[in-house]
Amino acid sequence: MQGGAHAGAAAAATEAPVRVCRAQPTPASPLSAPAPPPFHPPSLQATLKKKEAELELVAPYSRSYGRTLVSSVVESESQGLALVGRTIRIGGWVKTGREAGAGAFAFLEVNDGSCFQNIQIMVDKEVGDQVGGLRQLTPTSTCVLIEGVLAATPPGTKQKVELKATKVVHVGSTDPAEYPLAKKKQSFEFLRDKAHLRPRTNTIGAVARIRNALAYATHRFFQERGFLYVHTPIVTASDCEGAGEMFQVTTLLNKIDEEPEVPPPTPEELAALQDRVLKEAKAAAAAAKEDKALAKASKEAVAALLKLKEEVARAEEAGSLCGGVRACARPAYLTVSGQLNGEYYACALSNIYTFGPTFRAENSHTARHLAEFWMIEPEMAFCDLADDMQCAEDYVRYCCRHLLDSCRPDLEFINSMIDKGAIARLEQVANSSFKRVSYTEAIELLEGVVAAGKKKFEFPVSWGIDLQSEHERYLTEEVFRQPIIVYNYPKDIKAFYMRLNDDGKTVAAMDVLVPKVGELVGGSQREERLDVLTRRIAESGMPMEPYSAYLDLRKYGTVPHSGFGLGFERLILFATGLDNIREVIPFPRWPGNANY
């Protein structure tokens, strides 16, 4: 049969060229489509290389240990069934372990952080005896690297495959009597005191992967749209928000006890002393070079001068909040925003974004505030408020879609254990346009529900107030039941750099409000008119000098531009439904806490 088939194929191959040669050529029509390129089946070598790549399971930087990531098995297209019979090594930490069969074998649930799912490993007593017995492997949080053969599990089992151990390569033992994170559920407050261990819990592990996915989506969104990623400084001399609640930078706190009780002389006093001492020293030297008494007096004067110089050097160090670094001749702070620096680059390179840590020194202990947090801040040239709002909407929806596509197992855990509406909320935002509502319209709606007795707010509602979280959530969760963008806020409650509208009362500002969180994004069209910006800075009571470079942008080629800021941790709160922002950043900082 096979020989006949090959012969027939060979005959067909020899006849085909004859028919082509005898065919009469037909004139090509000017309207006929070009002939498709000839099909070349992939070579055997290319096919084999593709298969090898698919079957290469060893993690790129664990080759010395031959380790395969759990995700490479359980998240593969076949959920591991295509790999049955292969020998691999799994390394990770034991989530749960139990002996069975009267001590004849043990089952380990092992996770390595590459995905939410664990992989089950079955270890026989003989294999366990290699490391001192099965009880060395079963305690929660024990680190293991185990070699074994993948086998299919019985039908109806949650996972399609399990690893049957043949060798224990590594054990990092854990004393179950001392390990602080027991199998039972722990409070988030307790876990914050064990921040070095809390990534091993299901919730914090899932949040870490969600945070990673949102960071990746952030860079991908802006990079795909032609934005440049700009690194803005952490140490700054300007207060972008004008709030004054900033951390000051100094290296002098450990020198407080060394400071003299009497304040050292000011630089002006030093200059006068320098002039007086030098004049006296010169006069003494000129009067009698041979007079030893005068020479001694001159030396004493110079010694006094040097001592004064040392004291003033310490004074200058105390006055410079950069610890005596001469490049920082003015007080320096930890940044509250990279916006101003971002604008400098946007006014030359068009569209840029920043993504980095920011700091607030306000003494707030609420579930929505951190002393250190991360901000995403794009700035766009030739961009008005309408474009700014559209960019913010597109970005938030893009992030939601990316999470739904890439973190489904983590989201399913969050949906079942933390917030039953998490996935539905993400799907709604990903698939819905954001409604635009003016600030005035929002206030009228809130005043209407109060007047009708439908809702009583803790903070009274009237035009001119800064919307509180309760107002924002009511609008998104009860009135519109979707994300909204509120725009054109009163100028008196917004920052000096926001563009003044023609009515003279409002500015071209916008906030994206979402269910569960309230304000997620804050942005505006920036004030590009030099005279208006100068007046706004003066009205805010801030000095002009620190903003001279910002004003220069309006002197030399001013351009309409806009931008916004998004608190990254608030985006994670929105995605996960967690109640406290301290759970969505690896090592939270709040007033009185800087552990780890």
Protein backbone atom coordinates (compact mmCIF):
# COMPACT_ATOMS: atom_id res chain seq x y z
CA MET A 1 0.00 0.00 0.00
CA GLN A 2 2.71 2.46 0.95
CA GLY A 3 4.80 1.55 -2.13
CA GLY A 4 1.80 2.11 -4.42
CA ALA A 5 1.09 5.44 -2.84
CA HIS A 6 4.68 6.61 -3.31
CA ALA A 7 4.64 5.43 -6.93
CA GLY A 8 1.41 7.27 -7.64
CA ALA A 9 2.81 10.43 -6.10
CA ALA A 10 5.96 10.14 -8.18
CA ALA A 11 3.93 9.70 -11.35
CA ALA A 12 1.84 12.75 -10.56
CA ALA A 13 4.99 14.73 -9.90
CA THR A 14 6.38 13.86 -13.36
CA GLU A 15 3.14 14.62 -15.21
CA ALA A 16 2.46 18.01 -13.67
CA PRO A 17 5.30 19.90 -15.38
CA VAL A 18 4.21 18.50 -18.79
CA ARG A 19 0.73 19.90 -18.45
CA VAL A 20 2.09 23.28 -17.42
CA CYS A 21 4.48 23.43 -20.37
CA ARG A 22 1.69 22.64 -22.89
CA ALA A 23 -0.74 25.19 -21.48
CA GLN A 24 -1.24 28.27 -23.65
CA PRO A 25 -0.40 31.55 -21.88
CA THR A 26 -3.31 33.92 -21.32
CA PRO A 27 -2.86 37.67 -21.40
CA ALA A 28 -2.88 39.16 -17.92
CA SER A 29 -5.82 41.41 -17.22
CA PRO A 30 -4.91 44.81 -15.71
CA LEU A 31 -7.67 44.24 -13.14
CA SER A 32 -6.70 40.69 -12.19
CA ALA A 33 -5.30 40.12 -8.69
CA PRO A 34 -1.60 39.26 -8.41
CA ALA A 35 -0.84 35.60 -8.09
CA PRO A 36 -0.46 34.47 -4.46
CA PRO A 37 3.05 33.58 -3.38
CA PRO A 38 3.86 29.88 -3.64
CA PHE A 39 3.27 27.85 -0.50
CA HIS A 40 6.38 26.35 1.04
CA PRO A 41 5.67 23.85 3.78
CA PRO A 42 7.91 24.23 6.81
CA SER A 43 11.05 22.22 6.60
CA LEU A 44 11.49 19.23 8.82
CA GLN A 45 14.30 21.04 10.64
CA ALA A 46 12.11 24.06 11.36
CA THR A 47 9.32 21.83 12.63
CA LEU A 48 11.68 19.97 14.92
CA LYS A 49 13.09 23.23 16.32
CA LYS A 50 9.58 24.44 17.07
CA LYS A 51 8.77 21.21 18.87
CA GLU A 52 12.01 21.40 20.84
CA ALA A 53 11.18 24.93 21.92
CA GLU A 54 7.73 23.84 23.06
CA LEU A 55 9.17 20.92 25.00
CA GLU A 56 12.01 22.91 26.59
CA LEU A 57 10.69 23.27 30.10
CA VAL A 58 13.75 24.23 32.12
CA ALA A 59 13.51 27.83 33.34
CA PRO A 60 16.14 30.02 31.59
CA TYR A 61 18.04 30.95 34.74
CA SER A 62 17.58 27.72 36.69
CA ARG A 63 19.48 25.52 34.26
CA SER A 64 22.09 24.58 36.82
CA TYR A 65 19.27 23.06 38.89
CA GLY A 66 17.19 21.89 35.93
CA ARG A 67 14.10 23.46 37.46
CA THR A 68 10.77 23.72 35.62
CA LEU A 69 8.31 26.42 36.63
CA VAL A 70 4.93 25.23 37.86
CA SER A 71 3.23 27.56 35.35
CA SER A 72 4.99 25.79 32.46
CA VAL A 73 3.08 22.67 33.42
CA VAL A 74 -0.32 23.61 34.82
CA GLU A 75 -0.89 26.66 32.56
CA SER A 76 0.18 24.95 29.34
CA GLU A 77 -2.46 24.39 26.68
CA SER A 78 -2.98 20.77 27.72
CA GLN A 79 -2.65 21.59 31.44
CA GLY A 80 0.30 19.21 31.53
CA LEU A 81 -1.25 16.19 29.78
CA ALA A 82 1.06 16.58 26.76
CA LEU A 83 4.00 16.24 29.14
CA VAL A 84 2.93 13.00 30.81
CA GLY A 85 5.86 10.61 31.10
CA ARG A 86 8.51 13.33 31.09
CA THR A 87 11.01 13.64 33.91
CA ILE A 88 11.21 17.17 35.32
CA ARG A 89 12.25 18.99 38.48
CA ILE A 90 9.87 21.21 40.42
CA GLY A 91 11.21 23.68 42.98
CA GLY A 92 9.14 25.80 45.31
CA TRP A 93 7.58 26.03 48.77
CA VAL A 94 5.17 23.56 50.30
CA LYS A 95 1.72 25.06 50.75
CA THR A 96 0.33 21.97 52.42
CA GLY A 97 1.72 18.53 53.02
CA ARG A 98 0.25 15.37 54.48
CA GLU A 99 1.28 11.80 54.94
CA ALA A 100 -1.04 9.04 53.74
CA GLY A 101 -1.19 5.27 53.50
CA ALA A 102 -0.01 4.83 57.09
CA GLY A 103 3.18 6.70 56.27
CA ALA A 104 3.80 4.89 52.99
CA PHE A 105 3.77 8.13 50.97
CA ALA A 106 3.02 11.84 51.24
CA PHE A 107 1.24 14.43 49.10
CA LEU A 108 2.79 17.89 48.77
CA GLU A 109 1.09 20.95 47.29
CA VAL A 110 4.00 23.02 45.95
CA ASN A 111 3.93 26.57 44.62
CA ASP A 112 6.81 28.59 43.18
CA GLY A 113 5.01 31.91 42.63
CA SER A 114 4.95 31.64 38.83
CA CYS A 115 1.17 31.20 38.92
CA PHE A 116 -1.66 30.85 41.42
CA GLN A 117 -2.07 27.09 40.99
CA ASN A 118 -0.03 24.57 42.95
CA ILE A 119 1.25 21.28 41.60
CA GLN A 120 0.75 18.09 43.56
CA ILE A 121 3.82 15.96 44.21
CA MET A 122 3.52 12.38 45.45
CA VAL A 123 6.56 11.24 47.43
CA ASP A 124 7.03 7.56 48.39
CA LYS A 125 8.56 6.62 51.74
CA GLU A 126 11.70 5.32 50.03
CA VAL A 127 12.27 8.66 48.32
CA GLY A 128 11.53 10.57 51.53
CA ASP A 129 14.04 8.49 53.43
CA GLN A 130 16.76 10.07 51.29
CA VAL A 131 16.36 13.26 53.33
CA GLY A 132 15.44 11.85 56.71
CA GLY A 133 11.83 10.86 56.18
CA LEU A 134 8.59 12.28 54.81
CA ARG A 135 8.13 14.51 57.84
CA GLN A 136 11.07 16.60 56.64
CA LEU A 137 9.03 17.51 53.54
CA THR A 138 5.47 18.05 54.74
CA PRO A 139 5.65 21.20 56.96
CA THR A 140 4.16 24.32 55.38
CA SER A 141 6.76 26.64 53.81
CA THR A 142 9.43 23.95 53.46
CA CYS A 143 11.47 24.63 50.33
CA VAL A 144 11.92 21.62 48.05
CA LEU A 145 13.44 20.78 44.69
CA ILE A 146 12.08 17.42 43.63
CA GLU A 147 12.71 15.37 40.51
CA GLY A 148 10.02 13.08 39.24
CA VAL A 149 7.87 11.81 36.38
CA LEU A 150 4.68 13.59 35.36
CA ALA A 151 1.65 11.30 35.50
CA ALA A 152 -2.00 11.82 34.64
CA THR A 153 -4.41 12.00 37.57
CA PRO A 154 -7.68 10.08 37.73
CA PRO A 155 -10.66 11.60 35.86
CA GLY A 156 -12.50 14.23 37.88
CA THR A 157 -9.40 15.38 39.73
CA LYS A 158 -8.89 19.14 39.90
CA GLN A 159 -5.47 19.00 38.24
CA LYS A 160 -4.78 16.96 35.16
CA VAL A 161 -1.30 15.84 36.22
CA GLU A 162 0.85 15.25 39.28
CA LEU A 163 4.54 14.64 39.81
CA LYS A 164 5.61 11.24 41.12
CA ALA A 165 8.87 11.91 42.92
CA THR A 166 11.95 9.86 42.20
CA LYS A 167 14.57 12.05 43.90
CA VAL A 168 14.71 14.89 46.41
CA VAL A 169 17.40 17.30 45.24
CA HIS A 170 17.04 20.01 47.90
CA VAL A 171 15.23 20.58 51.18
CA GLY A 172 15.08 23.89 53.04
CA SER A 173 13.44 22.70 56.23
CA THR A 174 10.92 24.61 58.34
CA ASP A 175 10.11 24.00 61.98
CA PRO A 176 6.29 23.95 62.07
CA ALA A 177 6.33 24.82 65.78
CA GLU A 178 8.06 28.13 65.04
CA TYR A 179 6.74 29.11 61.61
CA PRO A 180 4.49 32.14 62.29
CA LEU A 181 2.06 31.70 59.37
CA ALA A 182 -0.10 28.74 60.27
CA LYS A 183 -2.45 27.11 57.77
CA LYS A 184 -5.42 28.92 59.29
CA LYS A 185 -6.43 32.28 57.87
CA GLN A 186 -4.41 35.22 59.20
CA SER A 187 -5.60 38.83 59.51
CA PHE A 188 -4.09 41.40 57.18
CA GLU A 189 -2.96 43.41 60.20
CA PHE A 190 -0.98 40.42 61.47
CA LEU A 191 0.52 39.80 58.04
CA ARG A 192 1.79 43.40 57.83
CA ASP A 193 4.00 42.61 60.81
CA LYS A 194 5.35 39.63 58.86
CA ALA A 195 5.91 41.44 55.57
CA HIS A 196 8.95 39.26 54.78
CA LEU A 197 6.75 36.14 54.83
CA ARG A 198 3.37 37.39 53.66
CA PRO A 199 4.17 36.91 49.92
CA ARG A 200 3.81 33.18 50.65
CA THR A 201 0.11 33.59 51.38
CA ASN A 202 -2.45 33.10 48.60
CA THR A 203 -3.82 36.65 48.78
CA ILE A 204 -0.56 38.58 48.79
CA GLY A 205 0.91 36.28 46.15
CA ALA A 206 -2.09 36.92 43.90
CA VAL A 207 -1.86 40.68 44.51
CA ALA A 208 1.85 40.61 43.60
CA ARG A 209 1.10 38.98 40.24
CA ILE A 210 -1.78 41.39 39.60
CA ARG A 211 0.51 44.33 40.43
CA ASN A 212 3.14 42.97 38.05
CA ALA A 213 0.57 42.56 35.27
CA LEU A 214 -0.68 46.14 35.71
CA ALA A 215 2.88 47.50 35.64
CA TYR A 216 3.53 45.58 32.43
CA ALA A 217 0.25 46.82 30.93
CA THR A 218 1.17 50.40 31.85
CA HIS A 219 4.46 50.34 29.96
CA ARG A 220 2.93 48.46 27.05
CA PHE A 221 0.01 50.90 26.70
CA PHE A 222 2.19 53.99 26.53
CA GLN A 223 4.98 52.41 24.49
CA GLU A 224 2.52 51.18 21.86
CA ARG A 225 1.23 54.76 21.51
CA GLY A 226 4.59 56.43 21.00
CA PHE A 227 5.20 57.79 24.50
CA LEU A 228 8.72 58.11 25.90
CA TYR A 229 9.42 56.78 29.40
CA VAL A 230 11.14 59.53 31.40
CA HIS A 231 12.80 59.12 34.81
CA THR A 232 12.02 62.12 36.99
CA PRO A 233 13.95 62.92 40.20
CA ILE A 234 13.01 61.68 43.64
CA VAL A 235 14.86 64.49 45.41
CA THR A 236 13.42 67.85 44.37
CA ALA A 237 13.33 71.48 45.45
CA SER A 238 9.80 72.23 44.20
CA ASP A 239 6.38 71.45 45.63
CA CYS A 240 4.21 70.42 42.69
CA GLU A 241 0.98 70.27 44.67
CA GLY A 242 1.58 73.36 46.78
CA ALA A 243 0.41 71.48 49.86
CA GLY A 244 3.64 71.72 51.82
CA GLU A 245 3.26 68.20 53.29
CA MET A 246 6.59 66.92 52.03
CA PHE A 247 9.44 64.90 53.49
CA GLN A 248 12.58 67.00 53.86
CA VAL A 249 15.90 65.39 52.95
CA THR A 250 18.78 65.67 55.41
CA THR A 251 21.73 63.68 56.73
CA LEU A 252 21.99 65.74 59.90
CA LEU A 253 19.62 63.97 62.25
CA ASN A 254 22.46 61.85 63.61
CA LYS A 255 24.47 65.01 64.31
CA ILE A 256 21.93 66.85 66.46
CA ASP A 257 23.77 66.04 69.67
CA GLU A 258 26.98 67.41 68.19
CA GLU A 259 25.52 70.84 67.45
CA PRO A 260 26.67 73.64 69.80
CA GLU A 261 24.13 75.16 72.14
CA VAL A 262 24.97 78.63 70.82
CA PRO A 263 23.94 78.96 67.14
CA PRO A 264 26.94 79.34 64.83
CA PRO A 265 27.42 82.61 62.95
CA THR A 266 25.53 83.26 59.76
CA PRO A 267 27.40 83.54 56.46
CA GLU A 268 27.01 87.33 56.63
CA GLU A 269 28.55 87.40 60.10
CA LEU A 270 31.36 85.17 58.89
CA ALA A 271 32.12 87.49 55.95
CA ALA A 272 32.37 90.47 58.31
CA LEU A 273 34.61 88.55 60.70
CA GLN A 274 36.80 87.38 57.84
CA ASP A 275 37.26 90.92 56.63
CA ARG A 276 38.05 92.25 60.14
CA VAL A 277 40.46 89.47 61.05
CA LEU A 278 42.33 89.69 57.77
CA LYS A 279 42.70 93.45 58.05
CA GLU A 280 44.01 93.14 61.58
CA ALA A 281 46.39 90.36 60.62
CA LYS A 282 47.79 92.37 57.71
CA ALA A 283 48.14 95.47 59.84
CA ALA A 284 49.98 93.55 62.53
CA ALA A 285 52.32 91.94 60.02
CA ALA A 286 53.06 95.25 58.33
CA ALA A 287 53.64 97.09 61.62
CA ALA A 288 56.40 94.89 62.86
CA LYS A 289 57.45 91.72 61.14
CA GLU A 290 60.08 91.19 63.81
CA ASP A 291 57.74 91.83 66.75
CA LYS A 292 57.03 88.36 68.18
CA ALA A 293 54.06 89.57 70.19
CA LEU A 294 52.37 90.92 67.07
CA ALA A 295 53.22 87.74 65.14
CA LYS A 296 51.64 85.68 67.91
CA ALA A 297 48.54 87.84 67.83
CA SER A 298 48.33 87.37 64.06
CA LYS A 299 48.53 83.61 64.42
CA GLU A 300 45.82 83.63 67.09
CA ALA A 301 43.63 85.71 64.79
CA VAL A 302 44.11 83.30 61.93
CA ALA A 303 43.33 80.34 64.25
CA ALA A 304 40.16 82.11 65.37
CA LEU A 305 39.26 82.67 61.75
CA LEU A 306 39.74 79.00 60.89
CA LYS A 307 37.61 78.01 63.86
CA LEU A 308 34.87 80.34 62.67
CA LYS A 309 35.10 78.83 59.21
CA GLU A 310 34.54 75.35 60.66
CA GLU A 311 31.52 76.54 62.62
CA VAL A 312 29.99 78.22 59.60
CA ALA A 313 30.66 75.13 57.51
CA ARG A 314 28.56 73.18 60.00
CA ALA A 315 25.91 75.90 59.85
CA GLU A 316 25.84 75.71 56.08
CA GLU A 317 25.51 71.94 56.32
CA ALA A 318 22.56 72.33 58.67
CA GLY A 319 20.98 74.84 56.31
CA SER A 320 21.42 72.60 53.32
CA LEU A 321 18.94 69.74 53.48
CA CYS A 322 21.16 67.72 51.19
CA GLY A 323 23.65 67.18 54.00
CA GLY A 324 26.26 69.60 52.80
CA VAL A 325 26.19 68.63 49.14
CA ARG A 326 26.87 71.94 47.47
CA ALA A 327 24.69 71.08 44.47
CA CYS A 328 21.66 71.49 46.75
CA ALA A 329 21.90 75.09 47.80
CA ARG A 330 18.22 75.17 48.75
CA PRO A 331 15.95 72.95 50.87
CA ALA A 332 15.30 69.60 49.22
CA TYR A 333 12.37 67.23 49.55
CA LEU A 334 11.13 63.83 48.46
CA THR A 335 8.95 64.38 45.43
CA VAL A 336 5.17 64.38 45.62
CA SER A 337 4.88 64.24 41.83
CA GLY A 338 7.01 64.01 38.72
CA GLN A 339 4.60 66.22 36.79
CA LEU A 340 6.63 69.42 36.54
CA ASN A 341 9.72 67.55 35.34
CA GLY A 342 7.53 65.55 32.99
CA GLU A 343 6.20 68.77 31.46
CA TYR A 344 9.76 69.92 30.72
CA TYR A 345 10.26 66.88 28.51
CA ALA A 346 6.77 66.90 26.99
CA CYS A 347 7.38 70.48 25.85
CA ALA A 348 10.27 69.20 23.74
CA LEU A 349 9.51 65.53 22.98
CA SER A 350 5.68 65.71 22.77
CA ASN A 351 4.33 62.66 24.64
CA ILE A 352 6.06 61.24 27.70
CA TYR A 353 5.13 59.32 30.83
CA THR A 354 6.68 58.75 34.23
CA PHE A 355 6.20 55.76 36.52
CA GLY A 356 7.90 55.91 39.89
CA PRO A 357 7.64 56.38 43.65
CA THR A 358 6.24 59.53 45.26
CA PHE A 359 5.93 60.58 48.89
CA ARG A 360 3.48 62.44 51.14
CA ALA A 361 4.25 63.46 54.71
CA GLU A 362 0.66 64.06 55.81
CA ASN A 363 -0.17 62.39 59.12
CA SER A 364 -2.92 60.19 57.70
CA HIS A 365 -3.75 56.68 58.88
CA THR A 366 -6.74 56.00 56.61
CA ALA A 367 -7.15 52.90 54.48
CA ARG A 368 -6.59 55.04 51.36
CA HIS A 369 -3.29 56.77 52.20
CA LEU A 370 0.36 55.77 52.17
CA ALA A 371 3.49 57.78 52.88
CA GLU A 372 5.19 56.14 49.88
CA PHE A 373 3.32 55.12 46.76
CA TRP A 374 3.76 54.87 42.99
CA MET A 375 2.38 57.22 40.36
CA ILE A 376 1.86 57.00 36.59
CA GLU A 377 1.97 60.49 35.08
CA PRO A 378 1.75 61.07 31.31
CA GLU A 379 2.16 64.53 29.78
CA MET A 380 1.08 65.30 26.22
CA ALA A 381 1.81 68.29 23.99
CA PHE A 382 -0.90 69.70 21.69
CA CYS A 383 -3.47 68.02 23.92
CA ASP A 384 -6.56 69.63 25.45
CA LEU A 385 -8.84 68.45 28.25
CA ALA A 386 -10.99 66.30 25.93
CA ASP A 387 -7.90 64.43 24.66
CA ASP A 388 -6.63 64.10 28.21
CA MET A 389 -9.87 62.49 29.38
CA GLN A 390 -9.85 60.09 26.45
CA CYS A 391 -6.27 59.01 27.18
CA ALA A 392 -7.11 58.36 30.84
CA GLU A 393 -10.16 56.31 29.88
CA ASP A 394 -8.27 54.29 27.28
CA TYR A 395 -5.48 53.55 29.74
CA VAL A 396 -7.76 52.33 32.55
CA ARG A 397 -9.80 50.16 30.19
CA TYR A 398 -6.63 48.73 28.65
CA CYS A 399 -5.35 47.72 32.08
CA CYS A 400 -8.64 46.02 32.94
CA ARG A 401 -8.64 44.05 29.70
CA HIS A 402 -5.02 42.99 30.23
CA LEU A 403 -5.80 41.72 33.74
CA LEU A 404 -8.78 39.72 32.56
CA ASP A 405 -6.66 38.13 29.83
CA SER A 406 -3.48 37.42 31.80
CA CYS A 407 -4.40 36.92 35.48
CA ARG A 408 -7.59 34.90 35.39
CA PRO A 409 -6.69 32.34 38.11
CA ASP A 410 -5.58 35.10 40.50
CA LEU A 411 -8.74 37.09 39.78
CA GLU A 412 -10.91 34.02 40.33
CA PHE A 413 -9.34 33.57 43.76
CA ILE A 414 -9.88 37.28 44.54
CA ASN A 415 -13.46 36.99 43.30
CA SER A 416 -14.19 34.01 45.55
CA MET A 417 -12.33 35.08 48.69
CA ILE A 418 -12.10 38.90 48.72
CA ASP A 419 -14.68 40.61 46.53
CA LYS A 420 -17.48 38.72 44.77
CA GLY A 421 -17.85 41.52 42.24
CA ALA A 422 -14.21 41.97 41.25
CA ILE A 423 -14.33 40.24 37.86
CA ALA A 424 -17.70 41.74 36.94
CA ARG A 425 -16.38 45.22 37.81
CA LEU A 426 -13.30 44.75 35.63
CA GLU A 427 -15.40 43.44 32.74
CA GLN A 428 -17.79 46.38 33.03
CA VAL A 429 -14.99 48.94 32.94
CA ALA A 430 -13.16 47.15 30.11
CA ASN A 431 -16.30 47.12 27.95
CA SER A 432 -17.93 50.48 28.82
CA SER A 433 -17.26 54.06 27.81
CA PHE A 434 -16.86 56.48 30.70
CA LYS A 435 -19.62 59.03 31.06
CA ARG A 436 -18.56 62.70 31.18
CA VAL A 437 -20.22 64.81 33.89
CA SER A 438 -19.35 68.42 34.71
CA TYR A 439 -18.59 69.27 38.32
CA THR A 440 -21.65 71.54 38.43
CA GLU A 441 -23.89 68.72 37.15
CA ALA A 442 -22.43 66.32 39.75
CA ILE A 443 -23.14 68.76 42.59
CA GLU A 444 -26.70 69.31 41.37
CA LEU A 445 -27.28 65.53 41.29
CA LEU A 446 -25.95 65.11 44.82
CA GLU A 447 -27.95 68.05 46.13
CA GLY A 448 -31.03 66.52 44.51
CA VAL A 449 -30.74 63.17 46.29
CA VAL A 450 -30.13 64.96 49.61
CA ALA A 451 -33.18 67.18 49.10
CA ALA A 452 -35.28 64.14 48.21
CA GLY A 453 -34.18 62.35 51.37
CA LYS A 454 -32.61 59.49 49.41
CA LYS A 455 -29.16 59.92 50.90
CA LYS A 456 -27.52 61.71 53.81
CA PHE A 457 -23.81 62.42 53.47
CA GLU A 458 -21.33 62.92 56.27
CA PHE A 459 -19.84 65.89 54.37
CA PRO A 460 -22.42 68.49 53.24
CA VAL A 461 -22.79 69.09 49.51
CA SER A 462 -22.59 72.52 47.92
CA TRP A 463 -20.92 74.08 44.89
CA GLY A 464 -17.28 74.76 45.65
CA ILE A 465 -16.59 71.77 47.89
CA ASP A 466 -13.91 69.20 47.10
CA LEU A 467 -15.80 65.97 46.42
CA GLN A 468 -15.20 63.39 49.14
CA SER A 469 -14.91 59.64 48.65
CA GLU A 470 -18.51 59.12 49.78
CA HIS A 471 -19.73 61.54 47.08
CA GLU A 472 -17.56 59.98 44.38
CA ARG A 473 -18.61 56.43 45.20
CA TYR A 474 -22.29 57.37 45.37
CA LEU A 475 -22.09 58.85 41.89
CA THR A 476 -20.37 55.79 40.42
CA GLU A 477 -22.12 53.05 42.39
CA GLU A 478 -25.65 54.40 42.81
CA VAL A 479 -26.36 57.15 40.28
CA PHE A 480 -24.50 56.10 37.11
CA ARG A 481 -23.41 52.55 38.09
CA GLN A 482 -20.30 52.90 35.96
CA PRO A 483 -17.05 54.88 35.85
CA ILE A 484 -17.48 58.58 35.17
CA ILE A 485 -15.21 61.54 34.47
CA VAL A 486 -16.02 64.74 36.35
CA TYR A 487 -14.53 67.86 34.77
CA ASN A 488 -14.35 71.67 35.12
CA TYR A 489 -13.76 71.98 38.86
CA PRO A 490 -13.76 75.25 40.88
CA LYS A 491 -10.33 76.86 40.62
CA ASP A 492 -10.09 77.42 44.37
CA ILE A 493 -9.89 73.67 45.12
CA LYS A 494 -7.41 72.79 42.39
CA ALA A 495 -3.70 73.34 41.83
CA PHE A 496 -2.20 76.52 40.36
CA TYR A 497 -1.01 74.86 37.13
CA MET A 498 -4.49 73.90 35.86
CA ARG A 499 -5.78 75.99 32.96
CA LEU A 500 -8.24 78.69 33.95
CA ASN A 501 -11.52 78.48 32.02
CA ASP A 502 -13.14 81.48 30.38
CA ASP A 503 -15.68 81.79 33.21
CA GLY A 504 -12.84 82.70 35.60
CA LYS A 505 -14.32 80.39 38.25
CA THR A 506 -13.38 76.92 37.06
CA VAL A 507 -10.32 75.19 35.66
CA ALA A 508 -9.94 72.56 32.93
CA ALA A 509 -9.45 69.75 35.43
CA MET A 510 -10.84 66.23 35.44
CA ASP A 511 -11.08 63.25 37.78
CA VAL A 512 -11.84 59.68 36.75
CA LEU A 513 -14.13 58.15 39.37
CA VAL A 514 -14.68 54.40 39.60
CA PRO A 515 -16.81 52.12 41.79
CA LYS A 516 -15.26 50.78 45.00
CA VAL A 517 -12.44 53.36 45.07
CA GLY A 518 -13.76 56.77 44.04
CA GLU A 519 -11.08 58.96 42.47
CA LEU A 520 -8.65 56.89 40.43
CA VAL A 521 -7.18 59.50 38.07
CA GLY A 522 -6.68 63.24 38.46
CA GLY A 523 -5.59 65.43 35.57
CA SER A 524 -5.96 68.69 33.74
CA GLN A 525 -5.04 70.82 30.81
CA ARG A 526 -1.97 72.74 31.98
CA GLU A 527 -1.96 76.54 32.03
CA GLU A 528 0.15 77.57 29.03
CA ARG A 529 -0.38 81.37 29.31
CA LEU A 530 2.51 83.05 31.09
CA ASP A 531 0.55 85.95 32.55
CA VAL A 532 -2.23 83.72 33.89
CA LEU A 533 0.20 81.19 35.36
CA THR A 534 2.24 83.91 37.06
CA ARG A 535 -0.91 85.33 38.61
CA ARG A 536 -2.08 81.89 39.77
CA ILE A 537 1.25 81.19 41.51
CA ALA A 538 1.06 84.55 43.26
CA GLU A 539 -2.55 83.93 44.32
CA SER A 540 -1.48 80.58 45.79
CA GLY A 541 1.01 82.39 48.02
CA MET A 542 4.03 80.52 46.66
CA PRO A 543 7.38 82.09 45.75
CA MET A 544 8.15 82.55 42.06
CA GLU A 545 11.82 81.57 42.12
CA PRO A 546 11.39 77.78 42.54
CA TYR A 547 9.10 77.81 39.48
CA SER A 548 11.30 79.93 37.21
CA ALA A 549 12.03 76.97 34.91
CA TYR A 550 8.32 76.11 34.79
CA LEU A 551 7.56 79.69 33.77
CA ASP A 552 10.31 79.55 31.14
CA LEU A 553 8.32 76.93 29.26
CA ARG A 554 5.66 79.60 28.74
CA LYS A 555 8.27 82.16 27.60
CA TYR A 556 10.07 80.01 25.05
CA GLY A 557 7.68 78.24 22.71
CA THR A 558 4.63 77.72 24.89
CA VAL A 559 2.32 74.92 23.80
CA PRO A 560 -1.13 73.70 24.89
CA HIS A 561 -0.54 70.52 26.84
CA SER A 562 -2.28 68.22 29.29
CA GLY A 563 -1.60 65.31 31.59
CA PHE A 564 -2.86 63.27 34.48
CA GLY A 565 -1.70 61.27 37.46
CA LEU A 566 -2.89 57.85 38.55
CA GLY A 567 -2.07 56.33 41.92
CA PHE A 568 -0.89 52.84 41.03
CA GLU A 569 -1.95 51.34 44.36
CA ARG A 570 -5.46 52.71 43.93
CA LEU A 571 -5.67 50.97 40.57
CA ILE A 572 -4.76 47.71 42.31
CA LEU A 573 -7.35 48.39 45.01
CA PHE A 574 -9.96 48.85 42.29
CA ALA A 575 -8.94 45.60 40.59
CA THR A 576 -8.83 43.46 43.74
CA GLY A 577 -11.55 44.96 45.92
CA LEU A 578 -9.26 44.94 48.96
CA ASP A 579 -10.24 47.44 51.63
CA ASN A 580 -6.83 48.70 52.72
CA ILE A 581 -4.16 50.15 50.45
CA ARG A 582 -1.45 48.68 52.69
CA GLU A 583 -2.20 45.24 51.25
CA VAL A 584 -1.41 46.14 47.63
CA ILE A 585 2.17 47.43 47.97
CA PRO A 586 4.95 45.00 48.96
CA PHE A 587 6.31 46.99 51.92
CA PRO A 588 3.81 49.66 52.99
CA ARG A 589 4.97 52.92 54.57
CA TRP A 590 2.62 54.99 56.71
CA PRO A 591 3.16 57.44 59.60
CA GLY A 592 5.08 55.64 62.30
CA ASN A 593 5.91 52.59 60.19
CA ALA A 594 8.93 51.93 57.99
CA ASN A 595 9.65 48.31 58.85
CA TYR A 596 11.47 46.04 56.43
